[in-house]
Amino acid sequence: AGPIGEEERMSIHRAAPTYEEQSNTSDLLETGIKVIDLICPFAKGGKVGLFGGAGVGKTVNMMELIRNIAIEHSGYSVFAGVGERTR
């Protein structure tokens, strides 16, 4: 916990980057979860979405991904629980 120490700020209400401005490299994110890295590797800097039935481990997988990105890669994650419900 503490200050993030951002170097640059950007508004969330801005135009999307053009196709040319987007990264065209295919670097893969090493998640630290061997099954995910083998079967469905994620692009570094991309978006990750998990969906499935109740009680199959979506939240556990997402929390593990967030932890690995924060600790192993010294990165940041943004989590949006879209469609989540309370029990």
PDB file of N, CA and C in Angstrom:
ATOM      1  N   ALA A   1       0.839  -1.180   0.000  1.00  0.00           N
ATOM      2  CA  ALA A   1       0.000   0.000   0.000  1.00  0.00           C
ATOM      3  C   ALA A   1       0.878   1.234   0.000  1.00  0.00           C
ATOM      4  N   GLY A   2       0.334   2.297  -0.520  1.00  0.00           N
ATOM      5  CA  GLY A   2       1.076   3.540  -0.595  1.00  0.00           C
ATOM      6  C   GLY A   2       0.899   4.189  -1.942  1.00  0.00           C
ATOM      7  N   PRO A   3       1.616   5.276  -2.166  1.00  0.00           N
ATOM      8  CA  PRO A   3       1.470   5.979  -3.440  1.00  0.00           C
ATOM      9  C   PRO A   3       1.993   5.143  -4.608  1.00  0.00           C
ATOM     10  N   ILE A   4       1.330   5.261  -5.744  1.00  0.00           N
ATOM     11  CA  ILE A   4       1.727   4.513  -6.935  1.00  0.00           C
ATOM     12  C   ILE A   4       2.963   5.131  -7.567  1.00  0.00           C
ATOM     13  N   GLY A   5       3.081   6.442  -7.522  1.00  0.00           N
ATOM     14  CA  GLY A   5       4.244   7.105  -8.118  1.00  0.00           C
ATOM     15  C   GLY A   5       4.128   7.187  -9.630  1.00  0.00           C
ATOM     16  N   GLU A   6       2.969   7.601 -10.113  1.00  0.00           N
ATOM     17  CA  GLU A   6       2.749   7.664 -11.555  1.00  0.00           C
ATOM     18  C   GLU A   6       3.641   8.717 -12.187  1.00  0.00           C
ATOM     19  N   GLU A   7       4.058   8.453 -13.406  1.00  0.00           N
ATOM     20  CA  GLU A   7       4.889   9.390 -14.137  1.00  0.00           C
ATOM     21  C   GLU A   7       4.069  10.180 -15.147  1.00  0.00           C
ATOM     22  N   GLU A   8       2.936   9.643 -15.539  1.00  0.00           N
ATOM     23  CA  GLU A   8       2.113  10.280 -16.554  1.00  0.00           C
ATOM     24  C   GLU A   8       0.648  10.015 -16.235  1.00  0.00           C
ATOM     25  N   ARG A   9      -0.182  10.999 -16.442  1.00  0.00           N
ATOM     26  CA  ARG A   9      -1.620  10.846 -16.218  1.00  0.00           C
ATOM     27  C   ARG A   9      -2.347  11.002 -17.543  1.00  0.00           C
ATOM     28  N   MET A  10      -3.422  10.214 -17.714  1.00  0.00           N
ATOM     29  CA  MET A  10      -4.246  10.299 -18.911  1.00  0.00           C
ATOM     30  C   MET A  10      -5.702  10.260 -18.501  1.00  0.00           C
ATOM     31  N   SER A  11      -6.519  10.976 -19.221  1.00  0.00           N
ATOM     32  CA  SER A  11      -7.949  10.975 -18.967  1.00  0.00           C
ATOM     33  C   SER A  11      -8.552   9.657 -19.445  1.00  0.00           C
ATOM     34  N   ILE A  12      -9.539   9.162 -18.734  1.00  0.00           N
ATOM     35  CA  ILE A  12     -10.212   7.945 -19.192  1.00  0.00           C
ATOM     36  C   ILE A  12     -11.209   8.263 -20.305  1.00  0.00           C
ATOM     37  N   HIS A  13     -11.528   9.538 -20.483  1.00  0.00           N
ATOM     38  CA  HIS A  13     -12.455   9.972 -21.527  1.00  0.00           C
ATOM     39  C   HIS A  13     -11.651  10.537 -22.697  1.00  0.00           C
ATOM     40  N   ARG A  14     -10.984   9.672 -23.417  1.00  0.00           N
ATOM     41  CA  ARG A  14     -10.194  10.105 -24.561  1.00  0.00           C
ATOM     42  C   ARG A  14     -10.474   9.163 -25.734  1.00  0.00           C
ATOM     43  N   ALA A  15     -10.097   9.587 -26.907  1.00  0.00           N
ATOM     44  CA  ALA A  15     -10.316   8.765 -28.101  1.00  0.00           C
ATOM     45  C   ALA A  15      -9.434   7.522 -28.050  1.00  0.00           C
ATOM     46  N   ALA A  16      -9.933   6.446 -28.611  1.00  0.00           N
ATOM     47  CA  ALA A  16      -9.165   5.200 -28.660  1.00  0.00           C
ATOM     48  C   ALA A  16      -7.947   5.387 -29.562  1.00  0.00           C
ATOM     49  N   PRO A  17      -6.843   4.685 -29.262  1.00  0.00           N
ATOM     50  CA  PRO A  17      -5.660   4.815 -30.120  1.00  0.00           C
ATOM     51  C   PRO A  17      -5.929   4.231 -31.508  1.00  0.00           C
ATOM     52  N   THR A  18      -5.274   4.782 -32.504  1.00  0.00           N
ATOM     53  CA  THR A  18      -5.418   4.251 -33.858  1.00  0.00           C
ATOM     54  C   THR A  18      -4.722   2.900 -33.945  1.00  0.00           C
ATOM     55  N   TYR A  19      -4.984   2.188 -35.003  1.00  0.00           N
ATOM     56  CA  TYR A  19      -4.381   0.871 -35.187  1.00  0.00           C
ATOM     57  C   TYR A  19      -2.857   0.973 -35.233  1.00  0.00           C
ATOM     58  N   GLU A  20      -2.347   2.013 -35.856  1.00  0.00           N
ATOM     59  CA  GLU A  20      -0.896   2.191 -35.969  1.00  0.00           C
ATOM     60  C   GLU A  20      -0.251   2.482 -34.621  1.00  0.00           C
ATOM     61  N   GLU A  21      -0.998   3.126 -33.715  1.00  0.00           N
ATOM     62  CA  GLU A  21      -0.457   3.469 -32.397  1.00  0.00           C
ATOM     63  C   GLU A  21      -0.408   2.273 -31.456  1.00  0.00           C
ATOM     64  N   GLN A  22      -1.171   1.250 -31.749  1.00  0.00           N
ATOM     65  CA  GLN A  22      -1.211   0.086 -30.875  1.00  0.00           C
ATOM     66  C   GLN A  22       0.023  -0.777 -31.093  1.00  0.00           C
ATOM     67  N   SER A  23       0.414  -1.462 -30.032  1.00  0.00           N
ATOM     68  CA  SER A  23       1.588  -2.330 -30.103  1.00  0.00           C
ATOM     69  C   SER A  23       1.295  -3.511 -31.017  1.00  0.00           C
ATOM     70  N   ASN A  24       2.238  -3.849 -31.877  1.00  0.00           N
ATOM     71  CA  ASN A  24       2.037  -4.987 -32.768  1.00  0.00           C
ATOM     72  C   ASN A  24       2.947  -6.161 -32.411  1.00  0.00           C
ATOM     73  N   THR A  25       3.568  -6.112 -31.258  1.00  0.00           N
ATOM     74  CA  THR A  25       4.400  -7.231 -30.828  1.00  0.00           C
ATOM     75  C   THR A  25       3.515  -8.304 -30.217  1.00  0.00           C
ATOM     76  N   SER A  26       4.003  -9.503 -30.226  1.00  0.00           N
ATOM     77  CA  SER A  26       3.224 -10.612 -29.682  1.00  0.00           C
ATOM     78  C   SER A  26       3.924 -11.199 -28.453  1.00  0.00           C
ATOM     79  N   ASP A  27       4.352 -10.337 -27.541  1.00  0.00           N
ATOM     80  CA  ASP A  27       4.961 -10.807 -26.303  1.00  0.00           C
ATOM     81  C   ASP A  27       3.894 -11.487 -25.457  1.00  0.00           C
ATOM     82  N   LEU A  28       4.250 -12.607 -24.862  1.00  0.00           N
ATOM     83  CA  LEU A  28       3.299 -13.343 -24.042  1.00  0.00           C
ATOM     84  C   LEU A  28       3.523 -13.045 -22.568  1.00  0.00           C
ATOM     85  N   LEU A  29       2.433 -12.963 -21.837  1.00  0.00           N
ATOM     86  CA  LEU A  29       2.488 -12.736 -20.399  1.00  0.00           C
ATOM     87  C   LEU A  29       2.680 -14.073 -19.705  1.00  0.00           C
ATOM     88  N   GLU A  30       3.750 -14.185 -18.947  1.00  0.00           N
ATOM     89  CA  GLU A  30       3.992 -15.398 -18.174  1.00  0.00           C
ATOM     90  C   GLU A  30       3.180 -15.290 -16.891  1.00  0.00           C
ATOM     91  N   THR A  31       2.080 -16.041 -16.816  1.00  0.00           N
ATOM     92  CA  THR A  31       1.147 -15.896 -15.702  1.00  0.00           C
ATOM     93  C   THR A  31       1.616 -16.596 -14.439  1.00  0.00           C
ATOM     94  N   GLY A  32       2.472 -17.578 -14.563  1.00  0.00           N
ATOM     95  CA  GLY A  32       2.870 -18.362 -13.401  1.00  0.00           C
ATOM     96  C   GLY A  32       1.948 -19.540 -13.159  1.00  0.00           C
ATOM     97  N   ILE A  33       0.900 -19.659 -13.957  1.00  0.00           N
ATOM     98  CA  ILE A  33      -0.012 -20.801 -13.884  1.00  0.00           C
ATOM     99  C   ILE A  33       0.258 -21.633 -15.133  1.00  0.00           C
ATOM    100  N   LYS A  34       0.909 -22.772 -14.969  1.00  0.00           N
ATOM    101  CA  LYS A  34       1.428 -23.543 -16.095  1.00  0.00           C
ATOM    102  C   LYS A  34       0.358 -23.953 -17.096  1.00  0.00           C
ATOM    103  N   VAL A  35      -0.811 -24.348 -16.608  1.00  0.00           N
ATOM    104  CA  VAL A  35      -1.879 -24.789 -17.507  1.00  0.00           C
ATOM    105  C   VAL A  35      -2.335 -23.638 -18.405  1.00  0.00           C
ATOM    106  N   ILE A  36      -2.486 -22.450 -17.839  1.00  0.00           N
ATOM    107  CA  ILE A  36      -2.909 -21.288 -18.634  1.00  0.00           C
ATOM    108  C   ILE A  36      -1.822 -20.909 -19.633  1.00  0.00           C
ATOM    109  N   ASP A  37      -0.564 -20.895 -19.201  1.00  0.00           N
ATOM    110  CA  ASP A  37       0.537 -20.547 -20.099  1.00  0.00           C
ATOM    111  C   ASP A  37       0.643 -21.526 -21.266  1.00  0.00           C
ATOM    112  N   LEU A  38       0.290 -22.787 -21.046  1.00  0.00           N
ATOM    113  CA  LEU A  38       0.393 -23.805 -22.089  1.00  0.00           C
ATOM    114  C   LEU A  38      -0.815 -23.803 -23.017  1.00  0.00           C
ATOM    115  N   ILE A  39      -2.015 -23.804 -22.455  1.00  0.00           N
ATOM    116  CA  ILE A  39      -3.227 -23.990 -23.262  1.00  0.00           C
ATOM    117  C   ILE A  39      -3.730 -22.693 -23.889  1.00  0.00           C
ATOM    118  N   CYS A  40      -3.766 -21.613 -23.130  1.00  0.00           N
ATOM    119  CA  CYS A  40      -4.278 -20.339 -23.678  1.00  0.00           C
ATOM    120  C   CYS A  40      -3.435 -19.177 -23.174  1.00  0.00           C
ATOM    121  N   PRO A  41      -2.240 -18.986 -23.730  1.00  0.00           N
ATOM    122  CA  PRO A  41      -1.381 -17.888 -23.272  1.00  0.00           C
ATOM    123  C   PRO A  41      -2.010 -16.530 -23.564  1.00  0.00           C
ATOM    124  N   PHE A  42      -1.744 -15.567 -22.682  1.00  0.00           N
ATOM    125  CA  PHE A  42      -2.284 -14.217 -22.807  1.00  0.00           C
ATOM    126  C   PHE A  42      -1.223 -13.286 -23.375  1.00  0.00           C
ATOM    127  N   ALA A  43      -1.655 -12.328 -24.191  1.00  0.00           N
ATOM    128  CA  ALA A  43      -0.740 -11.322 -24.736  1.00  0.00           C
ATOM    129  C   ALA A  43      -0.409 -10.302 -23.655  1.00  0.00           C
ATOM    130  N   LYS A  44       0.851  -9.919 -23.571  1.00  0.00           N
ATOM    131  CA  LYS A  44       1.271  -8.918 -22.588  1.00  0.00           C
ATOM    132  C   LYS A  44       0.637  -7.578 -22.941  1.00  0.00           C
ATOM    133  N   GLY A  45       0.042  -6.941 -21.941  1.00  0.00           N
ATOM    134  CA  GLY A  45      -0.626  -5.668 -22.156  1.00  0.00           C
ATOM    135  C   GLY A  45      -2.043  -5.793 -22.673  1.00  0.00           C
ATOM    136  N   GLY A  46      -2.523  -7.015 -22.832  1.00  0.00           N
ATOM    137  CA  GLY A  46      -3.869  -7.231 -23.354  1.00  0.00           C
ATOM    138  C   GLY A  46      -4.900  -7.362 -22.261  1.00  0.00           C
ATOM    139  N   LYS A  47      -6.087  -7.774 -22.658  1.00  0.00           N
ATOM    140  CA  LYS A  47      -7.190  -7.945 -21.724  1.00  0.00           C
ATOM    141  C   LYS A  47      -7.389  -9.424 -21.461  1.00  0.00           C
ATOM    142  N   VAL A  48      -7.815  -9.746 -20.248  1.00  0.00           N
ATOM    143  CA  VAL A  48      -8.074 -11.126 -19.857  1.00  0.00           C
ATOM    144  C   VAL A  48      -9.491 -11.193 -19.322  1.00  0.00           C
ATOM    145  N   GLY A  49     -10.251 -12.162 -19.772  1.00  0.00           N
ATOM    146  CA  GLY A  49     -11.608 -12.345 -19.270  1.00  0.00           C
ATOM    147  C   GLY A  49     -11.836 -13.796 -18.906  1.00  0.00           C
ATOM    148  N   LEU A  50     -12.481 -14.024 -17.796  1.00  0.00           N
ATOM    149  CA  LEU A  50     -12.824 -15.379 -17.371  1.00  0.00           C
ATOM    150  C   LEU A  50     -14.332 -15.465 -17.233  1.00  0.00           C
ATOM    151  N   PHE A  51     -14.908 -16.508 -17.783  1.00  0.00           N
ATOM    152  CA  PHE A  51     -16.336 -16.715 -17.612  1.00  0.00           C
ATOM    153  C   PHE A  51     -16.588 -18.200 -17.418  1.00  0.00           C
ATOM    154  N   GLY A  52     -17.669 -18.512 -16.769  1.00  0.00           N
ATOM    155  CA  GLY A  52     -18.013 -19.904 -16.507  1.00  0.00           C
ATOM    156  C   GLY A  52     -19.113 -19.986 -15.477  1.00  0.00           C
ATOM    157  N   GLY A  53     -19.458 -21.194 -15.135  1.00  0.00           N
ATOM    158  CA  GLY A  53     -20.536 -21.429 -14.185  1.00  0.00           C
ATOM    159  C   GLY A  53     -20.136 -21.089 -12.760  1.00  0.00           C
ATOM    160  N   ALA A  54     -21.119 -21.191 -11.876  1.00  0.00           N
ATOM    161  CA  ALA A  54     -20.890 -20.887 -10.461  1.00  0.00           C
ATOM    162  C   ALA A  54     -20.013 -21.958  -9.823  1.00  0.00           C
ATOM    163  N   GLY A  55     -19.053 -21.521  -9.029  1.00  0.00           N
ATOM    164  CA  GLY A  55     -18.240 -22.446  -8.246  1.00  0.00           C
ATOM    165  C   GLY A  55     -17.166 -23.186  -9.003  1.00  0.00           C
ATOM    166  N   VAL A  56     -16.726 -22.679 -10.157  1.00  0.00           N
ATOM    167  CA  VAL A  56     -15.700 -23.383 -10.926  1.00  0.00           C
ATOM    168  C   VAL A  56     -14.300 -22.796 -10.742  1.00  0.00           C
ATOM    169  N   GLY A  57     -14.164 -21.714  -9.965  1.00  0.00           N
ATOM    170  CA  GLY A  57     -12.843 -21.180  -9.647  1.00  0.00           C
ATOM    171  C   GLY A  57     -12.422 -19.951 -10.423  1.00  0.00           C
ATOM    172  N   LYS A  58     -13.362 -19.215 -10.984  1.00  0.00           N
ATOM    173  CA  LYS A  58     -13.014 -18.003 -11.744  1.00  0.00           C
ATOM    174  C   LYS A  58     -12.331 -16.970 -10.859  1.00  0.00           C
ATOM    175  N   THR A  59     -12.886 -16.725  -9.690  1.00  0.00           N
ATOM    176  CA  THR A  59     -12.324 -15.712  -8.794  1.00  0.00           C
ATOM    177  C   THR A  59     -10.950 -16.132  -8.296  1.00  0.00           C
ATOM    178  N   VAL A  60     -10.766 -17.398  -8.003  1.00  0.00           N
ATOM    179  CA  VAL A  60      -9.458 -17.893  -7.544  1.00  0.00           C
ATOM    180  C   VAL A  60      -8.415 -17.688  -8.634  1.00  0.00           C
ATOM    181  N   ASN A  61      -8.756 -18.025  -9.870  1.00  0.00           N
ATOM    182  CA  ASN A  61      -7.818 -17.827 -10.978  1.00  0.00           C
ATOM    183  C   ASN A  61      -7.504 -16.353 -11.187  1.00  0.00           C
ATOM    184  N   MET A  62      -8.514 -15.502 -11.139  1.00  0.00           N
ATOM    185  CA  MET A  62      -8.293 -14.073 -11.353  1.00  0.00           C
ATOM    186  C   MET A  62      -7.422 -13.482 -10.244  1.00  0.00           C
ATOM    187  N   MET A  63      -7.668 -13.858  -9.003  1.00  0.00           N
ATOM    188  CA  MET A  63      -6.854 -13.343  -7.899  1.00  0.00           C
ATOM    189  C   MET A  63      -5.409 -13.827  -8.018  1.00  0.00           C
ATOM    190  N   GLU A  64      -5.204 -15.043  -8.481  1.00  0.00           N
ATOM    191  CA  GLU A  64      -3.847 -15.561  -8.679  1.00  0.00           C
ATOM    192  C   GLU A  64      -3.146 -14.804  -9.811  1.00  0.00           C
ATOM    193  N   LEU A  65      -3.867 -14.498 -10.880  1.00  0.00           N
ATOM    194  CA  LEU A  65      -3.286 -13.714 -11.972  1.00  0.00           C
ATOM    195  C   LEU A  65      -2.891 -12.320 -11.496  1.00  0.00           C
ATOM    196  N   ILE A  66      -3.773 -11.679 -10.734  1.00  0.00           N
ATOM    197  CA  ILE A  66      -3.480 -10.341 -10.213  1.00  0.00           C
ATOM    198  C   ILE A  66      -2.264 -10.383  -9.299  1.00  0.00           C
ATOM    199  N   ARG A  67      -2.174 -11.394  -8.442  1.00  0.00           N
ATOM    200  CA  ARG A  67      -1.033 -11.536  -7.542  1.00  0.00           C
ATOM    201  C   ARG A  67       0.267 -11.737  -8.317  1.00  0.00           C
ATOM    202  N   ASN A  68       0.237 -12.608  -9.313  1.00  0.00           N
ATOM    203  CA  ASN A  68       1.448 -12.873 -10.089  1.00  0.00           C
ATOM    204  C   ASN A  68       1.900 -11.642 -10.864  1.00  0.00           C
ATOM    205  N   ILE A  69       0.959 -10.896 -11.418  1.00  0.00           N
ATOM    206  CA  ILE A  69       1.332  -9.685 -12.150  1.00  0.00           C
ATOM    207  C   ILE A  69       1.940  -8.661 -11.200  1.00  0.00           C
ATOM    208  N   ALA A  70       1.360  -8.516 -10.012  1.00  0.00           N
ATOM    209  CA  ALA A  70       1.855  -7.530  -9.049  1.00  0.00           C
ATOM    210  C   ALA A  70       3.212  -7.921  -8.484  1.00  0.00           C
ATOM    211  N   ILE A  71       3.379  -9.165  -8.092  1.00  0.00           N
ATOM    212  CA  ILE A  71       4.598  -9.582  -7.395  1.00  0.00           C
ATOM    213  C   ILE A  71       5.699 -10.009  -8.358  1.00  0.00           C
ATOM    214  N   GLU A  72       5.389 -10.864  -9.311  1.00  0.00           N
ATOM    215  CA  GLU A  72       6.419 -11.410 -10.197  1.00  0.00           C
ATOM    216  C   GLU A  72       6.850 -10.424 -11.277  1.00  0.00           C
ATOM    217  N   HIS A  73       5.914  -9.598 -11.769  1.00  0.00           N
ATOM    218  CA  HIS A  73       6.222  -8.692 -12.875  1.00  0.00           C
ATOM    219  C   HIS A  73       6.259  -7.226 -12.454  1.00  0.00           C
ATOM    220  N   SER A  74       6.042  -6.938 -11.176  1.00  0.00           N
ATOM    221  CA  SER A  74       6.000  -5.562 -10.660  1.00  0.00           C
ATOM    222  C   SER A  74       5.056  -4.691 -11.484  1.00  0.00           C
ATOM    223  N   GLY A  75       3.907  -5.257 -11.831  1.00  0.00           N
ATOM    224  CA  GLY A  75       2.941  -4.544 -12.663  1.00  0.00           C
ATOM    225  C   GLY A  75       1.690  -4.183 -11.894  1.00  0.00           C
ATOM    226  N   TYR A  76       0.736  -3.635 -12.620  1.00  0.00           N
ATOM    227  CA  TYR A  76      -0.538  -3.213 -12.048  1.00  0.00           C
ATOM    228  C   TYR A  76      -1.666  -3.920 -12.782  1.00  0.00           C
ATOM    229  N   SER A  77      -2.754  -4.165 -12.078  1.00  0.00           N
ATOM    230  CA  SER A  77      -3.935  -4.796 -12.658  1.00  0.00           C
ATOM    231  C   SER A  77      -5.158  -3.956 -12.349  1.00  0.00           C
ATOM    232  N   VAL A  78      -6.106  -3.982 -13.263  1.00  0.00           N
ATOM    233  CA  VAL A  78      -7.400  -3.339 -13.059  1.00  0.00           C
ATOM    234  C   VAL A  78      -8.441  -4.440 -13.124  1.00  0.00           C
ATOM    235  N   PHE A  79      -9.219  -4.605 -12.061  1.00  0.00           N
ATOM    236  CA  PHE A  79     -10.229  -5.658 -11.997  1.00  0.00           C
ATOM    237  C   PHE A  79     -11.614  -5.042 -12.063  1.00  0.00           C
ATOM    238  N   ALA A  80     -12.454  -5.576 -12.921  1.00  0.00           N
ATOM    239  CA  ALA A  80     -13.852  -5.146 -13.017  1.00  0.00           C
ATOM    240  C   ALA A  80     -14.718  -6.391 -12.911  1.00  0.00           C
ATOM    241  N   GLY A  81     -15.477  -6.491 -11.844  1.00  0.00           N
ATOM    242  CA  GLY A  81     -16.364  -7.641 -11.640  1.00  0.00           C
ATOM    243  C   GLY A  81     -17.683  -7.431 -12.356  1.00  0.00           C
ATOM    244  N   VAL A  82     -17.682  -7.547 -13.660  1.00  0.00           N
ATOM    245  CA  VAL A  82     -18.879  -7.305 -14.464  1.00  0.00           C
ATOM    246  C   VAL A  82     -19.791  -8.520 -14.378  1.00  0.00           C
ATOM    247  N   GLY A  83     -21.023  -8.279 -13.970  1.00  0.00           N
ATOM    248  CA  GLY A  83     -21.978  -9.373 -13.874  1.00  0.00           C
ATOM    249  C   GLY A  83     -21.897 -10.135 -12.573  1.00  0.00           C
ATOM    250  N   GLU A  84     -21.062  -9.683 -11.646  1.00  0.00           N
ATOM    251  CA  GLU A  84     -20.960 -10.359 -10.361  1.00  0.00           C
ATOM    252  C   GLU A  84     -22.256 -10.203  -9.587  1.00  0.00           C
ATOM    253  N   ARG A  85     -22.543 -11.174  -8.784  1.00  0.00           N
ATOM    254  CA  ARG A  85     -23.730 -11.111  -7.943  1.00  0.00           C
ATOM    255  C   ARG A  85     -23.320 -11.418  -6.518  1.00  0.00           C
ATOM    256  N   THR A  86     -24.152 -11.060  -5.580  1.00  0.00           N
ATOM    257  CA  THR A  86     -23.876 -11.377  -4.186  1.00  0.00           C
ATOM    258  C   THR A  86     -24.609 -12.646  -3.823  1.00  0.00           C
ATOM    259  N   ARG A  87     -24.034 -13.372  -2.902  1.00  0.00           N
ATOM    260  CA  ARG A  87     -24.665 -14.633  -2.482  1.00  0.00           C
ATOM    261  C   ARG A  87     -25.359 -14.444  -1.173  1.00  0.00           C
TER     262      ARG A  87
END
